[in-house]
Amino acid sequence: MTRKEYAARAQRGLWRVVGILHSVEDVLAELVEGMPDSSPEMLEYRRPYDVMLEVEGEIRCVLGDDLRPMIARLKQAATVNRRNLVKHWEETKKKRLN
């Protein structure tokens, strides 16, 4: 198998992973959407968080900081092609020379 064939196989596999991660994203978003609002005292840190607020905060952080950026990067890797790479290389080379 050539490098090009390995890359194509990996890119197809990435689309499967992206689909799974979108399903995980949907489940996490549904969990957060179904949670009741927290009290202003907890949100302003005048009272300790309860378990629900801590769980909600962690889910929101995972979605925003980890999962969605990971999905975006995997999509980028699944769609990259030789033309994109050469163009990026040329632009980077010009920047280094200036």
PDB file of N, CA and C in Angstrom:
ATOM      1  N   MET A   1       0.850  -1.181   0.000  1.00  0.00           N
ATOM      2  CA  MET A   1       0.000   0.000   0.000  1.00  0.00           C
ATOM      3  C   MET A   1       0.892   1.240   0.000  1.00  0.00           C
ATOM      4  N   THR A   2       0.546   2.217  -0.812  1.00  0.00           N
ATOM      5  CA  THR A   2       1.345   3.444  -0.921  1.00  0.00           C
ATOM      6  C   THR A   2       0.987   4.418   0.208  1.00  0.00           C
ATOM      7  N   ARG A   3       1.800   5.428   0.366  1.00  0.00           N
ATOM      8  CA  ARG A   3       1.531   6.464   1.374  1.00  0.00           C
ATOM      9  C   ARG A   3       0.194   7.151   1.085  1.00  0.00           C
ATOM     10  N   LYS A   4      -0.065   7.370  -0.204  1.00  0.00           N
ATOM     11  CA  LYS A   4      -1.320   8.007  -0.592  1.00  0.00           C
ATOM     12  C   LYS A   4      -2.516   7.132  -0.204  1.00  0.00           C
ATOM     13  N   GLU A   5      -2.387   5.840  -0.396  1.00  0.00           N
ATOM     14  CA  GLU A   5      -3.468   4.918  -0.027  1.00  0.00           C
ATOM     15  C   GLU A   5      -3.666   4.853   1.486  1.00  0.00           C
ATOM     16  N   TYR A   6      -2.569   4.846   2.239  1.00  0.00           N
ATOM     17  CA  TYR A   6      -2.671   4.886   3.702  1.00  0.00           C
ATOM     18  C   TYR A   6      -3.374   6.161   4.157  1.00  0.00           C
ATOM     19  N   ALA A   7      -3.005   7.273   3.562  1.00  0.00           N
ATOM     20  CA  ALA A   7      -3.615   8.558   3.923  1.00  0.00           C
ATOM     21  C   ALA A   7      -5.109   8.552   3.624  1.00  0.00           C
ATOM     22  N   ALA A   8      -5.486   8.039   2.463  1.00  0.00           N
ATOM     23  CA  ALA A   8      -6.910   7.983   2.090  1.00  0.00           C
ATOM     24  C   ALA A   8      -7.679   7.097   3.053  1.00  0.00           C
ATOM     25  N   ARG A   9      -7.094   5.978   3.432  1.00  0.00           N
ATOM     26  CA  ARG A   9      -7.754   5.087   4.389  1.00  0.00           C
ATOM     27  C   ARG A   9      -7.921   5.778   5.743  1.00  0.00           C
ATOM     28  N   ALA A  10      -6.876   6.464   6.172  1.00  0.00           N
ATOM     29  CA  ALA A  10      -6.955   7.187   7.447  1.00  0.00           C
ATOM     30  C   ALA A  10      -8.014   8.286   7.390  1.00  0.00           C
ATOM     31  N   GLN A  11      -8.091   9.005   6.281  1.00  0.00           N
ATOM     32  CA  GLN A  11      -9.093  10.067   6.153  1.00  0.00           C
ATOM     33  C   GLN A  11     -10.505   9.492   6.191  1.00  0.00           C
ATOM     34  N   ARG A  12     -10.734   8.357   5.566  1.00  0.00           N
ATOM     35  CA  ARG A  12     -12.050   7.711   5.651  1.00  0.00           C
ATOM     36  C   ARG A  12     -12.357   7.329   7.097  1.00  0.00           C
ATOM     37  N   GLY A  13     -11.375   6.809   7.791  1.00  0.00           N
ATOM     38  CA  GLY A  13     -11.541   6.450   9.200  1.00  0.00           C
ATOM     39  C   GLY A  13     -11.844   7.651  10.069  1.00  0.00           C
ATOM     40  N   LEU A  14     -11.219   8.777   9.741  1.00  0.00           N
ATOM     41  CA  LEU A  14     -11.477   9.998  10.513  1.00  0.00           C
ATOM     42  C   LEU A  14     -12.936  10.415  10.403  1.00  0.00           C
ATOM     43  N   TRP A  15     -13.538  10.249   9.231  1.00  0.00           N
ATOM     44  CA  TRP A  15     -14.957  10.604   9.089  1.00  0.00           C
ATOM     45  C   TRP A  15     -15.830   9.728   9.984  1.00  0.00           C
ATOM     46  N   ARG A  16     -15.462   8.461  10.157  1.00  0.00           N
ATOM     47  CA  ARG A  16     -16.208   7.599  11.091  1.00  0.00           C
ATOM     48  C   ARG A  16     -16.075   8.128  12.513  1.00  0.00           C
ATOM     49  N   VAL A  17     -14.864   8.508  12.886  1.00  0.00           N
ATOM     50  CA  VAL A  17     -14.624   9.041  14.228  1.00  0.00           C
ATOM     51  C   VAL A  17     -15.400  10.341  14.433  1.00  0.00           C
ATOM     52  N   VAL A  18     -15.378  11.221  13.445  1.00  0.00           N
ATOM     53  CA  VAL A  18     -16.112  12.483  13.537  1.00  0.00           C
ATOM     54  C   VAL A  18     -17.598  12.214  13.757  1.00  0.00           C
ATOM     55  N   GLY A  19     -18.153  11.241  13.062  1.00  0.00           N
ATOM     56  CA  GLY A  19     -19.559  10.899  13.249  1.00  0.00           C
ATOM     57  C   GLY A  19     -19.855  10.454  14.677  1.00  0.00           C
ATOM     58  N   ILE A  20     -18.982   9.632  15.223  1.00  0.00           N
ATOM     59  CA  ILE A  20     -19.144   9.179  16.609  1.00  0.00           C
ATOM     60  C   ILE A  20     -19.048  10.356  17.570  1.00  0.00           C
ATOM     61  N   LEU A  21     -18.064  11.224  17.336  1.00  0.00           N
ATOM     62  CA  LEU A  21     -17.891  12.378  18.220  1.00  0.00           C
ATOM     63  C   LEU A  21     -19.073  13.342  18.139  1.00  0.00           C
ATOM     64  N   HIS A  22     -19.678  13.476  16.966  1.00  0.00           N
ATOM     65  CA  HIS A  22     -20.885  14.296  16.850  1.00  0.00           C
ATOM     66  C   HIS A  22     -22.017  13.691  17.678  1.00  0.00           C
ATOM     67  N   SER A  23     -22.109  12.384  17.713  1.00  0.00           N
ATOM     68  CA  SER A  23     -23.123  11.735  18.550  1.00  0.00           C
ATOM     69  C   SER A  23     -22.864  12.012  20.025  1.00  0.00           C
ATOM     70  N   VAL A  24     -21.609  11.944  20.445  1.00  0.00           N
ATOM     71  CA  VAL A  24     -21.240  12.260  21.829  1.00  0.00           C
ATOM     72  C   VAL A  24     -21.576  13.723  22.133  1.00  0.00           C
ATOM     73  N   GLU A  25     -21.251  14.601  21.189  1.00  0.00           N
ATOM     74  CA  GLU A  25     -21.556  16.030  21.346  1.00  0.00           C
ATOM     75  C   GLU A  25     -23.061  16.234  21.542  1.00  0.00           C
ATOM     76  N   ASP A  26     -23.872  15.560  20.760  1.00  0.00           N
ATOM     77  CA  ASP A  26     -25.327  15.689  20.873  1.00  0.00           C
ATOM     78  C   ASP A  26     -25.824  15.235  22.246  1.00  0.00           C
ATOM     79  N   VAL A  27     -25.316  14.117  22.733  1.00  0.00           N
ATOM     80  CA  VAL A  27     -25.736  13.609  24.041  1.00  0.00           C
ATOM     81  C   VAL A  27     -25.350  14.593  25.145  1.00  0.00           C
ATOM     82  N   LEU A  28     -24.129  15.083  25.103  1.00  0.00           N
ATOM     83  CA  LEU A  28     -23.678  16.039  26.128  1.00  0.00           C
ATOM     84  C   LEU A  28     -24.490  17.328  26.077  1.00  0.00           C
ATOM     85  N   ALA A  29     -24.772  17.819  24.885  1.00  0.00           N
ATOM     86  CA  ALA A  29     -25.563  19.043  24.748  1.00  0.00           C
ATOM     87  C   ALA A  29     -26.981  18.832  25.285  1.00  0.00           C
ATOM     88  N   GLU A  30     -27.558  17.675  25.027  1.00  0.00           N
ATOM     89  CA  GLU A  30     -28.889  17.373  25.548  1.00  0.00           C
ATOM     90  C   GLU A  30     -28.888  17.326  27.070  1.00  0.00           C
ATOM     91  N   LEU A  31     -27.840  16.751  27.654  1.00  0.00           N
ATOM     92  CA  LEU A  31     -27.752  16.695  29.112  1.00  0.00           C
ATOM     93  C   LEU A  31     -27.749  18.098  29.713  1.00  0.00           C
ATOM     94  N   VAL A  32     -26.966  18.980  29.143  1.00  0.00           N
ATOM     95  CA  VAL A  32     -26.862  20.343  29.658  1.00  0.00           C
ATOM     96  C   VAL A  32     -28.164  21.108  29.451  1.00  0.00           C
ATOM     97  N   GLU A  33     -28.768  20.951  28.275  1.00  0.00           N
ATOM     98  CA  GLU A  33     -30.010  21.672  27.983  1.00  0.00           C
ATOM     99  C   GLU A  33     -31.132  21.284  28.926  1.00  0.00           C
ATOM    100  N   GLY A  34     -31.135  20.067  29.432  1.00  0.00           N
ATOM    101  CA  GLY A  34     -32.197  19.612  30.315  1.00  0.00           C
ATOM    102  C   GLY A  34     -32.014  19.994  31.770  1.00  0.00           C
ATOM    103  N   MET A  35     -30.897  20.601  32.105  1.00  0.00           N
ATOM    104  CA  MET A  35     -30.632  20.945  33.507  1.00  0.00           C
ATOM    105  C   MET A  35     -31.309  22.261  33.875  1.00  0.00           C
ATOM    106  N   PRO A  36     -31.844  22.348  35.102  1.00  0.00           N
ATOM    107  CA  PRO A  36     -32.463  23.604  35.541  1.00  0.00           C
ATOM    108  C   PRO A  36     -31.406  24.679  35.787  1.00  0.00           C
ATOM    109  N   ASP A  37     -31.841  25.926  35.774  1.00  0.00           N
ATOM    110  CA  ASP A  37     -30.933  27.028  36.069  1.00  0.00           C
ATOM    111  C   ASP A  37     -30.422  26.926  37.501  1.00  0.00           C
ATOM    112  N   SER A  38     -29.227  27.383  37.718  1.00  0.00           N
ATOM    113  CA  SER A  38     -28.641  27.395  39.065  1.00  0.00           C
ATOM    114  C   SER A  38     -28.905  28.734  39.719  1.00  0.00           C
ATOM    115  N   SER A  39     -28.817  28.732  41.023  1.00  0.00           N
ATOM    116  CA  SER A  39     -29.110  29.959  41.770  1.00  0.00           C
ATOM    117  C   SER A  39     -28.024  31.005  41.543  1.00  0.00           C
ATOM    118  N   PRO A  40     -28.413  32.288  41.560  1.00  0.00           N
ATOM    119  CA  PRO A  40     -27.406  33.349  41.421  1.00  0.00           C
ATOM    120  C   PRO A  40     -26.339  33.280  42.506  1.00  0.00           C
ATOM    121  N   GLU A  41     -26.715  32.834  43.701  1.00  0.00           N
ATOM    122  CA  GLU A  41     -25.732  32.735  44.787  1.00  0.00           C
ATOM    123  C   GLU A  41     -24.599  31.774  44.429  1.00  0.00           C
ATOM    124  N   MET A  42     -24.946  30.660  43.791  1.00  0.00           N
ATOM    125  CA  MET A  42     -23.898  29.719  43.378  1.00  0.00           C
ATOM    126  C   MET A  42     -23.120  30.267  42.190  1.00  0.00           C
ATOM    127  N   LEU A  43     -23.840  30.851  41.226  1.00  0.00           N
ATOM    128  CA  LEU A  43     -23.170  31.363  40.031  1.00  0.00           C
ATOM    129  C   LEU A  43     -22.215  32.503  40.364  1.00  0.00           C
ATOM    130  N   GLU A  44     -22.529  33.264  41.404  1.00  0.00           N
ATOM    131  CA  GLU A  44     -21.662  34.368  41.828  1.00  0.00           C
ATOM    132  C   GLU A  44     -20.701  33.938  42.926  1.00  0.00           C
ATOM    133  N   TYR A  45     -20.659  32.666  43.201  1.00  0.00           N
ATOM    134  CA  TYR A  45     -19.762  32.048  44.168  1.00  0.00           C
ATOM    135  C   TYR A  45     -19.947  32.566  45.591  1.00  0.00           C
ATOM    136  N   ARG A  46     -21.216  32.870  45.945  1.00  0.00           N
ATOM    137  CA  ARG A  46     -21.544  33.231  47.326  1.00  0.00           C
ATOM    138  C   ARG A  46     -21.992  32.006  48.118  1.00  0.00           C
ATOM    139  N   ARG A  47     -22.288  30.926  47.403  1.00  0.00           N
ATOM    140  CA  ARG A  47     -22.604  29.623  47.999  1.00  0.00           C
ATOM    141  C   ARG A  47     -21.810  28.583  47.231  1.00  0.00           C
ATOM    142  N   PRO A  48     -21.474  27.482  47.897  1.00  0.00           N
ATOM    143  CA  PRO A  48     -20.751  26.435  47.170  1.00  0.00           C
ATOM    144  C   PRO A  48     -21.599  25.848  46.040  1.00  0.00           C
ATOM    145  N   TYR A  49     -20.928  25.409  45.021  1.00  0.00           N
ATOM    146  CA  TYR A  49     -21.623  24.730  43.927  1.00  0.00           C
ATOM    147  C   TYR A  49     -22.276  23.464  44.454  1.00  0.00           C
ATOM    148  N   ASP A  50     -23.379  23.096  43.836  1.00  0.00           N
ATOM    149  CA  ASP A  50     -23.926  21.768  44.086  1.00  0.00           C
ATOM    150  C   ASP A  50     -23.408  20.832  43.001  1.00  0.00           C
ATOM    151  N   VAL A  51     -23.713  19.565  43.129  1.00  0.00           N
ATOM    152  CA  VAL A  51     -23.200  18.568  42.201  1.00  0.00           C
ATOM    153  C   VAL A  51     -23.677  18.870  40.777  1.00  0.00           C
ATOM    154  N   MET A  52     -24.951  19.260  40.629  1.00  0.00           N
ATOM    155  CA  MET A  52     -25.479  19.525  39.299  1.00  0.00           C
ATOM    156  C   MET A  52     -24.709  20.636  38.594  1.00  0.00           C
ATOM    157  N   LEU A  53     -24.435  21.738  39.294  1.00  0.00           N
ATOM    158  CA  LEU A  53     -23.728  22.852  38.681  1.00  0.00           C
ATOM    159  C   LEU A  53     -22.301  22.449  38.306  1.00  0.00           C
ATOM    160  N   GLU A  54     -21.661  21.655  39.138  1.00  0.00           N
ATOM    161  CA  GLU A  54     -20.308  21.191  38.827  1.00  0.00           C
ATOM    162  C   GLU A  54     -20.316  20.300  37.585  1.00  0.00           C
ATOM    163  N   VAL A  55     -21.272  19.386  37.522  1.00  0.00           N
ATOM    164  CA  VAL A  55     -21.380  18.493  36.358  1.00  0.00           C
ATOM    165  C   VAL A  55     -21.677  19.313  35.103  1.00  0.00           C
ATOM    166  N   GLU A  56     -22.612  20.251  35.200  1.00  0.00           N
ATOM    167  CA  GLU A  56     -22.942  21.099  34.049  1.00  0.00           C
ATOM    168  C   GLU A  56     -21.720  21.876  33.576  1.00  0.00           C
ATOM    169  N   GLY A  57     -20.980  22.457  34.509  1.00  0.00           N
ATOM    170  CA  GLY A  57     -19.792  23.224  34.146  1.00  0.00           C
ATOM    171  C   GLY A  57     -18.748  22.375  33.448  1.00  0.00           C
ATOM    172  N   GLU A  58     -18.544  21.165  33.940  1.00  0.00           N
ATOM    173  CA  GLU A  58     -17.560  20.278  33.310  1.00  0.00           C
ATOM    174  C   GLU A  58     -17.992  19.882  31.903  1.00  0.00           C
ATOM    175  N   ILE A  59     -19.291  19.590  31.745  1.00  0.00           N
ATOM    176  CA  ILE A  59     -19.774  19.230  30.409  1.00  0.00           C
ATOM    177  C   ILE A  59     -19.591  20.399  29.452  1.00  0.00           C
ATOM    178  N   ARG A  60     -19.949  21.593  29.883  1.00  0.00           N
ATOM    179  CA  ARG A  60     -19.795  22.774  29.016  1.00  0.00           C
ATOM    180  C   ARG A  60     -18.324  23.005  28.648  1.00  0.00           C
ATOM    181  N   CYS A  61     -17.439  22.825  29.619  1.00  0.00           N
ATOM    182  CA  CYS A  61     -16.009  22.996  29.335  1.00  0.00           C
ATOM    183  C   CYS A  61     -15.506  21.943  28.353  1.00  0.00           C
ATOM    184  N   VAL A  62     -15.914  20.708  28.537  1.00  0.00           N
ATOM    185  CA  VAL A  62     -15.500  19.648  27.623  1.00  0.00           C
ATOM    186  C   VAL A  62     -15.985  19.950  26.211  1.00  0.00           C
ATOM    187  N   LEU A  63     -17.238  20.390  26.095  1.00  0.00           N
ATOM    188  CA  LEU A  63     -17.769  20.717  24.771  1.00  0.00           C
ATOM    189  C   LEU A  63     -16.985  21.854  24.122  1.00  0.00           C
ATOM    190  N   GLY A  64     -16.813  22.942  24.848  1.00  0.00           N
ATOM    191  CA  GLY A  64     -16.193  24.133  24.271  1.00  0.00           C
ATOM    192  C   GLY A  64     -14.681  24.077  24.134  1.00  0.00           C
ATOM    193  N   ASP A  65     -14.032  23.476  25.126  1.00  0.00           N
ATOM    194  CA  ASP A  65     -12.567  23.494  25.141  1.00  0.00           C
ATOM    195  C   ASP A  65     -11.932  22.280  24.483  1.00  0.00           C
ATOM    196  N   ASP A  66     -12.630  21.160  24.495  1.00  0.00           N
ATOM    197  CA  ASP A  66     -12.008  19.923  24.042  1.00  0.00           C
ATOM    198  C   ASP A  66     -12.706  19.299  22.829  1.00  0.00           C
ATOM    199  N   LEU A  67     -13.964  18.947  23.001  1.00  0.00           N
ATOM    200  CA  LEU A  67     -14.634  18.133  21.983  1.00  0.00           C
ATOM    201  C   LEU A  67     -14.842  18.870  20.669  1.00  0.00           C
ATOM    202  N   ARG A  68     -15.421  20.065  20.718  1.00  0.00           N
ATOM    203  CA  ARG A  68     -15.678  20.785  19.457  1.00  0.00           C
ATOM    204  C   ARG A  68     -14.393  21.157  18.730  1.00  0.00           C
ATOM    205  N   PRO A  69     -13.355  21.645  19.431  1.00  0.00           N
ATOM    206  CA  PRO A  69     -12.089  21.886  18.715  1.00  0.00           C
ATOM    207  C   PRO A  69     -11.481  20.593  18.144  1.00  0.00           C
ATOM    208  N   MET A  70     -11.618  19.483  18.870  1.00  0.00           N
ATOM    209  CA  MET A  70     -11.102  18.220  18.363  1.00  0.00           C
ATOM    210  C   MET A  70     -11.845  17.803  17.101  1.00  0.00           C
ATOM    211  N   ILE A  71     -13.153  17.944  17.099  1.00  0.00           N
ATOM    212  CA  ILE A  71     -13.931  17.606  15.906  1.00  0.00           C
ATOM    213  C   ILE A  71     -13.480  18.462  14.729  1.00  0.00           C
ATOM    214  N   ALA A  72     -13.291  19.745  14.960  1.00  0.00           N
ATOM    215  CA  ALA A  72     -12.860  20.645  13.885  1.00  0.00           C
ATOM    216  C   ALA A  72     -11.492  20.232  13.330  1.00  0.00           C
ATOM    217  N   ARG A  73     -10.562  19.877  14.213  1.00  0.00           N
ATOM    218  CA  ARG A  73      -9.233  19.473  13.757  1.00  0.00           C
ATOM    219  C   ARG A  73      -9.274  18.162  12.991  1.00  0.00           C
ATOM    220  N   LEU A  74     -10.102  17.231  13.445  1.00  0.00           N
ATOM    221  CA  LEU A  74     -10.212  15.958  12.737  1.00  0.00           C
ATOM    222  C   LEU A  74     -10.859  16.138  11.369  1.00  0.00           C
ATOM    223  N   LYS A  75     -11.841  17.038  11.279  1.00  0.00           N
ATOM    224  CA  LYS A  75     -12.450  17.334   9.974  1.00  0.00           C
ATOM    225  C   LYS A  75     -11.410  17.930   9.034  1.00  0.00           C
ATOM    226  N   GLN A  76     -10.584  18.806   9.581  1.00  0.00           N
ATOM    227  CA  GLN A  76      -9.529  19.412   8.761  1.00  0.00           C
ATOM    228  C   GLN A  76      -8.568  18.337   8.247  1.00  0.00           C
ATOM    229  N   ALA A  77      -8.189  17.423   9.125  1.00  0.00           N
ATOM    230  CA  ALA A  77      -7.287  16.344   8.708  1.00  0.00           C
ATOM    231  C   ALA A  77      -7.961  15.421   7.692  1.00  0.00           C
ATOM    232  N   ALA A  78      -9.263  15.245   7.820  1.00  0.00           N
ATOM    233  CA  ALA A  78      -9.985  14.355   6.905  1.00  0.00           C
ATOM    234  C   ALA A  78     -10.152  14.964   5.517  1.00  0.00           C
ATOM    235  N   THR A  79      -9.986  16.281   5.401  1.00  0.00           N
ATOM    236  CA  THR A  79     -10.208  16.937   4.112  1.00  0.00           C
ATOM    237  C   THR A  79      -8.934  17.523   3.505  1.00  0.00           C
ATOM    238  N   VAL A  80      -7.829  17.460   4.212  1.00  0.00           N
ATOM    239  CA  VAL A  80      -6.594  18.044   3.689  1.00  0.00           C
ATOM    240  C   VAL A  80      -6.175  17.293   2.422  1.00  0.00           C
ATOM    241  N   ASN A  81      -5.582  18.055   1.508  1.00  0.00           N
ATOM    242  CA  ASN A  81      -5.096  17.439   0.274  1.00  0.00           C
ATOM    243  C   ASN A  81      -3.744  18.053  -0.100  1.00  0.00           C
ATOM    244  N   ARG A  82      -3.135  17.486  -1.070  1.00  0.00           N
ATOM    245  CA  ARG A  82      -1.786  17.918  -1.476  1.00  0.00           C
ATOM    246  C   ARG A  82      -1.754  19.398  -1.860  1.00  0.00           C
ATOM    247  N   ARG A  83      -2.766  19.854  -2.586  1.00  0.00           N
ATOM    248  CA  ARG A  83      -2.819  21.254  -3.019  1.00  0.00           C
ATOM    249  C   ARG A  83      -2.832  22.190  -1.797  1.00  0.00           C
ATOM    250  N   ASN A  84      -3.637  21.865  -0.776  1.00  0.00           N
ATOM    251  CA  ASN A  84      -3.673  22.676   0.443  1.00  0.00           C
ATOM    252  C   ASN A  84      -2.304  22.739   1.107  1.00  0.00           C
ATOM    253  N   LEU A  85      -1.649  21.584   1.177  1.00  0.00           N
ATOM    254  CA  LEU A  85      -0.357  21.513   1.853  1.00  0.00           C
ATOM    255  C   LEU A  85       0.715  22.301   1.118  1.00  0.00           C
ATOM    256  N   VAL A  86       0.732  22.216  -0.189  1.00  0.00           N
ATOM    257  CA  VAL A  86       1.718  22.969  -0.971  1.00  0.00           C
ATOM    258  C   VAL A  86       1.475  24.463  -0.828  1.00  0.00           C
ATOM    259  N   LYS A  87       0.217  24.875  -0.897  1.00  0.00           N
ATOM    260  CA  LYS A  87      -0.122  26.294  -0.744  1.00  0.00           C
ATOM    261  C   LYS A  87       0.315  26.809   0.629  1.00  0.00           C
ATOM    262  N   HIS A  88       0.029  26.045   1.687  1.00  0.00           N
ATOM    263  CA  HIS A  88       0.424  26.444   3.035  1.00  0.00           C
ATOM    264  C   HIS A  88       1.943  26.519   3.153  1.00  0.00           C
ATOM    265  N   TRP A  89       2.635  25.549   2.575  1.00  0.00           N
ATOM    266  CA  TRP A  89       4.095  25.531   2.608  1.00  0.00           C
ATOM    267  C   TRP A  89       4.670  26.763   1.915  1.00  0.00           C
ATOM    268  N   GLU A  90       4.111  27.114   0.750  1.00  0.00           N
ATOM    269  CA  GLU A  90       4.594  28.278   0.018  1.00  0.00           C
ATOM    270  C   GLU A  90       4.353  29.569   0.792  1.00  0.00           C
ATOM    271  N   GLU A  91       3.179  29.695   1.404  1.00  0.00           N
ATOM    272  CA  GLU A  91       2.867  30.893   2.187  1.00  0.00           C
ATOM    273  C   GLU A  91       3.779  31.006   3.400  1.00  0.00           C
ATOM    274  N   THR A  92       4.020  29.899   4.053  1.00  0.00           N
ATOM    275  CA  THR A  92       4.911  29.900   5.220  1.00  0.00           C
ATOM    276  C   THR A  92       6.335  30.246   4.830  1.00  0.00           C
ATOM    277  N   LYS A  93       6.769  29.721   3.702  1.00  0.00           N
ATOM    278  CA  LYS A  93       8.130  30.003   3.214  1.00  0.00           C
ATOM    279  C   LYS A  93       8.285  31.488   2.917  1.00  0.00           C
ATOM    280  N   LYS A  94       7.274  32.101   2.278  1.00  0.00           N
ATOM    281  CA  LYS A  94       7.329  33.548   1.981  1.00  0.00           C
ATOM    282  C   LYS A  94       7.415  34.365   3.257  1.00  0.00           C
ATOM    283  N   LYS A  95       6.659  33.984   4.281  1.00  0.00           N
ATOM    284  CA  LYS A  95       6.667  34.706   5.553  1.00  0.00           C
ATOM    285  C   LYS A  95       8.043  34.638   6.212  1.00  0.00           C
ATOM    286  N   ARG A  96       8.683  33.492   6.107  1.00  0.00           N
ATOM    287  CA  ARG A  96      10.007  33.328   6.714  1.00  0.00           C
ATOM    288  C   ARG A  96      11.047  34.202   6.016  1.00  0.00           C
ATOM    289  N   LEU A  97      10.877  34.390   4.720  1.00  0.00           N
ATOM    290  CA  LEU A  97      11.844  35.187   3.962  1.00  0.00           C
ATOM    291  C   LEU A  97      11.649  36.684   4.172  1.00  0.00           C
ATOM    292  N   ASN A  98      10.447  37.099   4.544  1.00  0.00           N
ATOM    293  CA  ASN A  98      10.177  38.534   4.741  1.00  0.00           C
ATOM    294  C   ASN A  98      10.436  38.986   6.138  1.00  0.00           C
TER     295      ASN A  98
END
